[in-house]
Amino acid sequence: MGPPLRLTDANFDEEVLRSDLPVLVDFWASWCPPCKMAEPIVAELAAEYEGRVKVGKLHVDQNPKTAQRYRIMGVPTFILFHNGKVVERRTGSQSKEQLLDMLHKVL
């Protein structure tokens, strides 16, 4: 059971766009209270779906290129990728059930 993958501008294409598995990315910031509330949910999903879905976190302030590329205007933003394409995108606080609803679109 690993923690969520730490995504960066440098590893995003390899870990997300070229992944054989679907990838749920949590775009977050350290100053964002709803992002902090989402941390345990994201960690649970990473553990529960290990081997079936990659779950990663990208700190938007430390990785501005990727945040700009996906036009992240608010955090947290959750984007589900499959075969290098955006399947679904949600901005704002999400419950575990809401994130599971996203994942079930590709599982």
N, C-alpha and C. Protein backbone atom coordinates (compact mmCIF):
# COMPACT_ATOMS: atom_id res chain seq x y z
N MET A 1 0.84 -1.18 0.00
CA MET A 1 0.00 0.00 0.00
C MET A 1 0.88 1.24 0.00
N GLY A 2 0.99 1.84 -1.16
CA GLY A 2 1.83 3.02 -1.25
C GLY A 2 1.02 4.29 -1.12
N PRO A 3 1.70 5.37 -0.77
CA PRO A 3 1.03 6.67 -0.71
C PRO A 3 0.73 7.16 -2.14
N PRO A 4 -0.05 8.24 -2.27
CA PRO A 4 -0.25 8.79 -3.61
C PRO A 4 1.09 9.16 -4.25
N LEU A 5 1.14 9.03 -5.54
CA LEU A 5 2.33 9.34 -6.32
C LEU A 5 2.57 10.85 -6.31
N ARG A 6 3.82 11.26 -6.10
CA ARG A 6 4.14 12.69 -6.13
C ARG A 6 4.43 13.06 -7.58
N LEU A 7 3.55 13.86 -8.16
CA LEU A 7 3.69 14.26 -9.55
C LEU A 7 4.33 15.64 -9.65
N THR A 8 5.13 15.81 -10.71
CA THR A 8 5.83 17.07 -10.94
C THR A 8 5.76 17.42 -12.43
N ASP A 9 6.18 18.63 -12.74
CA ASP A 9 6.28 19.00 -14.16
C ASP A 9 7.18 18.01 -14.90
N ALA A 10 8.23 17.54 -14.22
CA ALA A 10 9.22 16.67 -14.87
C ALA A 10 8.70 15.25 -15.12
N ASN A 11 7.86 14.71 -14.23
CA ASN A 11 7.45 13.31 -14.40
C ASN A 11 6.00 13.14 -14.86
N PHE A 12 5.27 14.22 -15.06
CA PHE A 12 3.84 14.13 -15.36
C PHE A 12 3.55 13.33 -16.63
N ASP A 13 4.21 13.63 -17.72
CA ASP A 13 3.93 12.93 -18.98
C ASP A 13 4.17 11.42 -18.84
N GLU A 14 5.29 11.06 -18.22
CA GLU A 14 5.62 9.65 -18.06
C GLU A 14 4.63 8.93 -17.13
N GLU A 15 4.37 9.52 -15.98
CA GLU A 15 3.55 8.86 -14.96
C GLU A 15 2.05 8.91 -15.27
N VAL A 16 1.60 9.94 -15.98
CA VAL A 16 0.16 10.11 -16.20
C VAL A 16 -0.22 9.84 -17.65
N LEU A 17 0.36 10.58 -18.57
CA LEU A 17 -0.09 10.49 -19.96
C LEU A 17 0.32 9.17 -20.63
N ARG A 18 1.44 8.59 -20.19
CA ARG A 18 1.89 7.33 -20.79
C ARG A 18 1.60 6.12 -19.89
N SER A 19 0.77 6.31 -18.88
CA SER A 19 0.45 5.22 -17.94
C SER A 19 -0.46 4.19 -18.60
N ASP A 20 -0.20 2.92 -18.29
CA ASP A 20 -1.08 1.84 -18.74
C ASP A 20 -2.37 1.80 -17.92
N LEU A 21 -2.32 2.38 -16.73
CA LEU A 21 -3.49 2.39 -15.83
C LEU A 21 -4.17 3.76 -15.89
N PRO A 22 -5.45 3.81 -15.56
CA PRO A 22 -6.09 5.12 -15.39
C PRO A 22 -5.37 5.87 -14.25
N VAL A 23 -5.38 7.20 -14.31
CA VAL A 23 -4.70 8.00 -13.29
C VAL A 23 -5.64 9.10 -12.79
N LEU A 24 -5.82 9.14 -11.47
CA LEU A 24 -6.57 10.22 -10.84
C LEU A 24 -5.55 11.19 -10.27
N VAL A 25 -5.60 12.44 -10.73
CA VAL A 25 -4.65 13.45 -10.27
C VAL A 25 -5.37 14.48 -9.41
N ASP A 26 -4.81 14.70 -8.23
CA ASP A 26 -5.28 15.72 -7.31
C ASP A 26 -4.35 16.92 -7.47
N PHE A 27 -4.85 17.99 -8.08
CA PHE A 27 -4.10 19.24 -8.19
C PHE A 27 -4.41 20.03 -6.92
N TRP A 28 -3.39 20.31 -6.12
CA TRP A 28 -3.60 20.89 -4.80
C TRP A 28 -2.58 21.97 -4.49
N ALA A 29 -2.80 22.66 -3.35
CA ALA A 29 -1.85 23.66 -2.85
C ALA A 29 -1.81 23.57 -1.33
N SER A 30 -0.67 23.90 -0.75
CA SER A 30 -0.49 23.77 0.70
C SER A 30 -1.33 24.78 1.47
N TRP A 31 -1.70 25.89 0.86
CA TRP A 31 -2.47 26.94 1.54
C TRP A 31 -3.99 26.70 1.45
N CYS A 32 -4.42 25.58 0.88
CA CYS A 32 -5.83 25.33 0.56
C CYS A 32 -6.46 24.39 1.59
N PRO A 33 -7.36 24.90 2.48
CA PRO A 33 -8.00 24.02 3.47
C PRO A 33 -8.76 22.83 2.87
N PRO A 34 -9.56 22.99 1.80
CA PRO A 34 -10.24 21.82 1.23
C PRO A 34 -9.26 20.77 0.70
N CYS A 35 -8.07 21.22 0.26
CA CYS A 35 -7.04 20.27 -0.21
C CYS A 35 -6.56 19.42 0.96
N LYS A 36 -6.37 20.05 2.10
CA LYS A 36 -5.93 19.32 3.30
C LYS A 36 -6.99 18.29 3.71
N MET A 37 -8.26 18.67 3.60
CA MET A 37 -9.34 17.75 3.95
C MET A 37 -9.39 16.57 3.00
N ALA A 38 -8.97 16.75 1.76
CA ALA A 38 -9.02 15.68 0.77
C ALA A 38 -7.86 14.70 0.91
N GLU A 39 -6.79 15.09 1.60
CA GLU A 39 -5.59 14.25 1.70
C GLU A 39 -5.88 12.82 2.16
N PRO A 40 -6.62 12.62 3.27
CA PRO A 40 -6.85 11.23 3.70
C PRO A 40 -7.68 10.43 2.70
N ILE A 41 -8.61 11.08 2.02
CA ILE A 41 -9.44 10.39 1.03
C ILE A 41 -8.58 9.95 -0.15
N VAL A 42 -7.72 10.84 -0.62
CA VAL A 42 -6.83 10.53 -1.74
C VAL A 42 -5.88 9.39 -1.35
N ALA A 43 -5.37 9.44 -0.12
CA ALA A 43 -4.48 8.37 0.35
C ALA A 43 -5.22 7.03 0.42
N GLU A 44 -6.47 7.04 0.88
CA GLU A 44 -7.28 5.81 0.93
C GLU A 44 -7.46 5.23 -0.47
N LEU A 45 -7.81 6.08 -1.42
CA LEU A 45 -8.02 5.61 -2.79
C LEU A 45 -6.74 5.03 -3.37
N ALA A 46 -5.60 5.68 -3.08
CA ALA A 46 -4.31 5.18 -3.58
C ALA A 46 -4.06 3.77 -3.06
N ALA A 47 -4.38 3.54 -1.80
CA ALA A 47 -4.16 2.22 -1.19
C ALA A 47 -5.17 1.20 -1.71
N GLU A 48 -6.45 1.58 -1.73
CA GLU A 48 -7.50 0.64 -2.10
C GLU A 48 -7.46 0.23 -3.57
N TYR A 49 -6.99 1.12 -4.43
CA TYR A 49 -7.01 0.84 -5.87
C TYR A 49 -5.62 0.58 -6.44
N GLU A 50 -4.64 0.34 -5.56
CA GLU A 50 -3.28 0.06 -6.01
C GLU A 50 -3.29 -1.10 -7.00
N GLY A 51 -2.63 -0.90 -8.12
CA GLY A 51 -2.57 -1.95 -9.15
C GLY A 51 -3.67 -1.82 -10.19
N ARG A 52 -4.72 -1.06 -9.86
CA ARG A 52 -5.82 -0.86 -10.82
C ARG A 52 -5.91 0.58 -11.32
N VAL A 53 -5.54 1.52 -10.44
CA VAL A 53 -5.57 2.94 -10.76
C VAL A 53 -4.36 3.58 -10.10
N LYS A 54 -3.71 4.50 -10.79
CA LYS A 54 -2.68 5.31 -10.15
C LYS A 54 -3.38 6.52 -9.56
N VAL A 55 -2.98 6.89 -8.37
CA VAL A 55 -3.49 8.11 -7.74
C VAL A 55 -2.29 8.98 -7.43
N GLY A 56 -2.33 10.21 -7.94
CA GLY A 56 -1.20 11.11 -7.75
C GLY A 56 -1.63 12.49 -7.32
N LYS A 57 -0.68 13.22 -6.76
CA LYS A 57 -0.92 14.59 -6.32
C LYS A 57 0.10 15.50 -6.99
N LEU A 58 -0.38 16.64 -7.48
CA LEU A 58 0.51 17.62 -8.09
C LEU A 58 0.31 18.96 -7.38
N HIS A 59 1.37 19.45 -6.76
CA HIS A 59 1.35 20.73 -6.05
C HIS A 59 1.42 21.84 -7.10
N VAL A 60 0.33 22.63 -7.22
CA VAL A 60 0.25 23.59 -8.33
C VAL A 60 1.26 24.73 -8.23
N ASP A 61 1.61 25.14 -7.03
CA ASP A 61 2.57 26.24 -6.88
C ASP A 61 3.99 25.80 -7.23
N GLN A 62 4.30 24.55 -7.00
CA GLN A 62 5.64 24.03 -7.29
C GLN A 62 5.77 23.52 -8.72
N ASN A 63 4.64 23.33 -9.40
CA ASN A 63 4.64 22.77 -10.76
C ASN A 63 3.73 23.59 -11.67
N PRO A 64 4.11 24.85 -11.90
CA PRO A 64 3.22 25.76 -12.64
C PRO A 64 2.99 25.37 -14.10
N LYS A 65 3.95 24.72 -14.72
CA LYS A 65 3.78 24.36 -16.15
C LYS A 65 2.59 23.42 -16.34
N THR A 66 2.53 22.36 -15.53
CA THR A 66 1.44 21.39 -15.66
C THR A 66 0.12 22.01 -15.22
N ALA A 67 0.14 22.80 -14.16
CA ALA A 67 -1.09 23.47 -13.69
C ALA A 67 -1.63 24.39 -14.79
N GLN A 68 -0.75 25.10 -15.46
CA GLN A 68 -1.17 26.00 -16.54
C GLN A 68 -1.66 25.21 -17.75
N ARG A 69 -0.97 24.13 -18.06
CA ARG A 69 -1.33 23.28 -19.21
C ARG A 69 -2.77 22.77 -19.10
N TYR A 70 -3.20 22.44 -17.86
CA TYR A 70 -4.55 21.93 -17.66
C TYR A 70 -5.49 23.01 -17.12
N ARG A 71 -5.07 24.25 -17.23
CA ARG A 71 -5.89 25.41 -16.85
C ARG A 71 -6.53 25.25 -15.47
N ILE A 72 -5.68 24.95 -14.50
CA ILE A 72 -6.15 24.80 -13.13
C ILE A 72 -6.38 26.19 -12.56
N MET A 73 -7.64 26.54 -12.34
CA MET A 73 -8.00 27.87 -11.84
C MET A 73 -8.37 27.84 -10.35
N GLY A 74 -8.73 26.66 -9.85
CA GLY A 74 -9.07 26.52 -8.44
C GLY A 74 -8.58 25.18 -7.94
N VAL A 75 -8.31 25.13 -6.65
CA VAL A 75 -7.87 23.88 -6.04
C VAL A 75 -8.79 23.55 -4.87
N PRO A 76 -9.00 22.30 -4.59
CA PRO A 76 -8.47 21.17 -5.35
C PRO A 76 -9.22 20.98 -6.66
N THR A 77 -8.49 20.51 -7.66
CA THR A 77 -9.09 20.07 -8.91
C THR A 77 -8.65 18.62 -9.10
N PHE A 78 -9.61 17.77 -9.42
CA PHE A 78 -9.35 16.36 -9.65
C PHE A 78 -9.58 16.08 -11.13
N ILE A 79 -8.58 15.50 -11.79
CA ILE A 79 -8.71 15.13 -13.19
C ILE A 79 -8.40 13.65 -13.32
N LEU A 80 -9.29 12.93 -13.99
CA LEU A 80 -9.11 11.51 -14.25
C LEU A 80 -8.62 11.36 -15.69
N PHE A 81 -7.47 10.71 -15.84
CA PHE A 81 -6.87 10.46 -17.15
C PHE A 81 -6.95 8.98 -17.47
N HIS A 82 -7.17 8.66 -18.73
CA HIS A 82 -7.13 7.28 -19.19
C HIS A 82 -6.60 7.29 -20.61
N ASN A 83 -5.56 6.49 -20.86
CA ASN A 83 -4.90 6.46 -22.18
C ASN A 83 -4.45 7.85 -22.62
N GLY A 84 -3.96 8.63 -21.67
CA GLY A 84 -3.42 9.95 -21.97
C GLY A 84 -4.45 11.03 -22.20
N LYS A 85 -5.71 10.73 -22.02
CA LYS A 85 -6.78 11.71 -22.28
C LYS A 85 -7.55 12.00 -20.98
N VAL A 86 -8.07 13.23 -20.91
CA VAL A 86 -8.90 13.61 -19.78
C VAL A 86 -10.27 12.95 -19.93
N VAL A 87 -10.67 12.17 -18.92
CA VAL A 87 -11.97 11.51 -18.92
C VAL A 87 -12.99 12.38 -18.19
N GLU A 88 -12.57 12.91 -17.06
CA GLU A 88 -13.46 13.75 -16.26
C GLU A 88 -12.64 14.70 -15.41
N ARG A 89 -13.26 15.83 -15.08
CA ARG A 89 -12.59 16.86 -14.29
C ARG A 89 -13.60 17.45 -13.32
N ARG A 90 -13.18 17.60 -12.07
CA ARG A 90 -14.04 18.22 -11.05
C ARG A 90 -13.20 19.16 -10.21
N THR A 91 -13.75 20.32 -9.92
CA THR A 91 -13.06 21.31 -9.09
C THR A 91 -13.85 21.50 -7.81
N GLY A 92 -13.10 21.63 -6.71
CA GLY A 92 -13.73 21.84 -5.41
C GLY A 92 -13.69 20.58 -4.59
N SER A 93 -14.09 20.73 -3.36
CA SER A 93 -14.09 19.62 -2.42
C SER A 93 -14.95 18.46 -2.94
N GLN A 94 -14.42 17.25 -2.85
CA GLN A 94 -15.13 16.06 -3.31
C GLN A 94 -15.13 15.02 -2.20
N SER A 95 -16.25 14.35 -2.04
CA SER A 95 -16.31 13.26 -1.07
C SER A 95 -15.66 12.01 -1.69
N LYS A 96 -15.41 11.02 -0.86
CA LYS A 96 -14.87 9.77 -1.37
C LYS A 96 -15.83 9.17 -2.40
N GLU A 97 -17.12 9.25 -2.13
CA GLU A 97 -18.12 8.71 -3.06
C GLU A 97 -18.06 9.42 -4.41
N GLN A 98 -17.87 10.73 -4.39
CA GLN A 98 -17.78 11.49 -5.65
C GLN A 98 -16.53 11.09 -6.44
N LEU A 99 -15.43 10.88 -5.74
CA LEU A 99 -14.21 10.46 -6.44
C LEU A 99 -14.35 9.03 -6.95
N LEU A 100 -15.01 8.17 -6.18
CA LEU A 100 -15.26 6.81 -6.65
C LEU A 100 -16.14 6.82 -7.91
N ASP A 101 -17.09 7.72 -7.95
CA ASP A 101 -17.95 7.87 -9.12
C ASP A 101 -17.09 8.18 -10.36
N MET A 102 -16.10 9.04 -10.19
CA MET A 102 -15.18 9.33 -11.29
C MET A 102 -14.43 8.07 -11.70
N LEU A 103 -13.87 7.37 -10.72
CA LEU A 103 -13.06 6.18 -11.02
C LEU A 103 -13.87 5.10 -11.72
N HIS A 104 -15.11 4.97 -11.37
CA HIS A 104 -15.93 3.91 -11.95
C HIS A 104 -16.24 4.16 -13.42
N LYS A 105 -15.92 5.33 -13.93
CA LYS A 105 -16.08 5.60 -15.36
C LYS A 105 -15.02 4.87 -16.19
N VAL A 106 -13.93 4.45 -15.55
CA VAL A 106 -12.84 3.78 -16.28
C VAL A 106 -12.56 2.37 -15.75
N LEU A 107 -13.26 1.95 -14.72
CA LEU A 107 -13.01 0.62 -14.15
C LEU A 107 -14.08 -0.36 -14.58
